[in-house]
Amino acid sequence: MKNYRSAMGKNVDMGALLAKNENTRAVGNMKVNARGDTIDSQGRVIKPVTAKVNQSYANTVGNRSANAVRGRPAPAKPVTPKPEIKEELTPMEIELEESFEDDLEIEKIKAEELNKGKK
């Protein structure tokens, strides 16, 4: 963190001050220490700040794979085989493919004629 100069001219290291007092009970009615951990009346940590951050992130992000999980890993999803595609075409499909090929040849010829006309 940064060093600040007080009104009296003394240097104050905010990082060192925070590290020194991170387990001290914070002033207010939130029942937390200076670090942000939830504490009980004796000052023992009930819920660490990292658990709170992970919980709020899990509530915000809907994707379960993005959430922090401790312990066992998520079970792997079974892979379903892809259905096989039949290679045999019906007579109507064969005729349709041939008409597409004919249309492509006609378009190529038109493009060549158009290019010759521009030159």
Protein backbone atom coordinates (compact mmCIF):
# COMPACT_ATOMS: atom_id res chain seq x y z
CA MET A 1 0.00 0.00 0.00
CA LYS A 2 0.95 3.61 0.05
CA ASN A 3 2.74 5.67 2.67
CA TYR A 4 0.83 8.79 3.75
CA ARG A 5 2.02 11.87 5.65
CA SER A 6 -0.21 12.87 8.54
CA ALA A 7 -1.17 16.45 9.42
CA MET A 8 1.51 16.34 12.13
CA GLY A 9 4.15 15.40 9.53
CA LYS A 10 4.53 11.71 10.49
CA ASN A 11 4.70 8.95 7.85
CA VAL A 12 1.91 6.35 8.11
CA ASP A 13 2.29 3.01 6.26
CA MET A 14 -1.33 1.92 5.63
CA GLY A 15 -0.33 -1.61 4.53
CA ALA A 16 1.57 -2.30 7.73
CA LEU A 17 -1.24 -0.80 9.82
CA LEU A 18 -3.82 -3.00 8.11
CA ALA A 19 -1.70 -6.15 8.47
CA LYS A 20 -1.10 -5.43 12.14
CA ASN A 21 -4.79 -4.97 12.95
CA GLU A 22 -6.53 -7.37 10.55
CA ASN A 23 -7.80 -9.59 13.40
CA THR A 24 -9.09 -6.64 15.47
CA ARG A 25 -12.85 -6.28 15.79
CA ALA A 26 -14.12 -3.54 13.46
CA VAL A 27 -16.11 -0.61 14.82
CA GLY A 28 -19.80 -0.84 13.96
CA ASN A 29 -22.66 -3.29 14.16
CA MET A 30 -21.61 -5.80 11.46
CA LYS A 31 -19.73 -8.32 13.69
CA VAL A 32 -16.66 -8.48 11.46
CA ASN A 33 -12.95 -7.97 11.96
CA ALA A 34 -10.86 -5.49 9.97
CA ARG A 35 -10.17 -8.13 7.33
CA GLY A 36 -13.89 -8.76 6.73
CA ASP A 37 -14.28 -12.19 8.39
CA THR A 38 -17.56 -12.74 10.25
CA ILE A 39 -16.72 -13.18 13.94
CA ASP A 40 -18.56 -14.16 17.13
CA SER A 41 -18.62 -12.25 20.43
CA GLN A 42 -15.24 -13.73 21.49
CA GLY A 43 -13.55 -12.67 18.23
CA ARG A 44 -13.35 -16.19 16.71
CA VAL A 45 -13.79 -16.39 12.95
CA ILE A 46 -17.14 -17.94 11.99
CA LYS A 47 -17.02 -17.37 8.24
CA PRO A 48 -13.84 -16.22 6.45
CA VAL A 49 -14.04 -13.41 3.94
CA THR A 50 -12.89 -15.74 1.13
CA ALA A 51 -15.94 -17.96 1.69
CA LYS A 52 -18.18 -14.88 1.53
CA VAL A 53 -16.60 -13.74 -1.73
CA ASN A 54 -16.94 -17.23 -3.26
CA GLN A 55 -20.61 -17.40 -2.21
CA SER A 56 -21.45 -13.98 -3.66
CA TYR A 57 -19.65 -14.90 -6.90
CA ALA A 58 -21.59 -18.17 -7.08
CA ASN A 59 -24.84 -16.24 -6.64
CA THR A 60 -23.89 -13.83 -9.41
CA VAL A 61 -22.55 -16.33 -11.96
CA GLY A 62 -25.04 -18.95 -13.10
CA ASN A 63 -22.43 -21.28 -14.60
CA ARG A 64 -21.61 -24.04 -12.11
CA SER A 65 -18.24 -24.77 -13.70
CA ALA A 66 -17.10 -21.20 -12.97
CA ASN A 67 -17.76 -21.52 -9.24
CA ALA A 68 -15.04 -22.43 -6.77
CA VAL A 69 -15.43 -25.97 -5.44
CA ARG A 70 -13.25 -27.48 -2.75
CA GLY A 71 -12.76 -31.19 -2.26
CA ARG A 72 -13.84 -33.61 -4.92
CA PRO A 73 -13.87 -32.64 -8.59
CA ALA A 74 -17.08 -32.54 -10.58
CA PRO A 75 -18.05 -35.88 -12.16
CA ALA A 76 -17.30 -36.18 -15.85
CA LYS A 77 -20.29 -36.13 -18.17
CA PRO A 78 -20.79 -39.31 -20.21
CA VAL A 79 -20.04 -38.86 -23.88
CA THR A 80 -22.92 -39.82 -26.13
CA PRO A 81 -21.93 -41.29 -29.50
CA LYS A 82 -22.94 -39.32 -32.56
CA PRO A 83 -25.59 -40.98 -34.72
CA GLU A 84 -24.34 -42.49 -37.95
CA ILE A 85 -25.43 -40.78 -41.15
CA LYS A 86 -26.68 -42.92 -43.98
CA GLU A 87 -24.73 -42.39 -47.19
CA GLU A 88 -27.48 -43.70 -49.45
CA LEU A 89 -29.60 -41.02 -51.07
CA THR A 90 -33.14 -41.33 -52.29
CA PRO A 91 -33.82 -40.72 -56.02
CA MET A 92 -35.32 -37.31 -55.17
CA GLU A 93 -32.19 -36.28 -53.23
CA ILE A 94 -29.93 -37.41 -56.09
CA GLU A 95 -31.96 -35.36 -58.57
CA LEU A 96 -31.81 -32.32 -56.28
CA GLU A 97 -28.02 -32.57 -55.92
CA GLU A 98 -27.61 -32.86 -59.67
CA SER A 99 -29.74 -29.76 -60.18
CA PHE A 100 -27.53 -27.86 -57.68
CA GLU A 101 -24.44 -28.92 -59.62
CA ASP A 102 -26.04 -27.76 -62.86
CA ASP A 103 -26.94 -24.41 -61.28
CA LEU A 104 -23.33 -23.97 -60.11
CA GLU A 105 -21.99 -24.64 -63.62
CA ILE A 106 -24.43 -22.13 -65.09
CA GLU A 107 -23.37 -19.48 -62.55
CA LYS A 108 -19.68 -20.08 -63.37
CA ILE A 109 -20.35 -19.67 -67.10
CA LYS A 110 -22.32 -16.45 -66.48
CA ALA A 111 -19.46 -15.05 -64.35
CA GLU A 112 -16.90 -15.88 -67.06
CA GLU A 113 -19.03 -14.21 -69.74
CA LEU A 114 -19.47 -11.15 -67.53
CA ASN A 115 -15.69 -10.92 -66.96
CA LYS A 116 -15.01 -11.23 -70.71
CA GLY A 117 -17.49 -8.43 -71.43
CA LYS A 118 -15.77 -6.06 -68.98
CA LYS A 119 -12.30 -6.53 -70.53
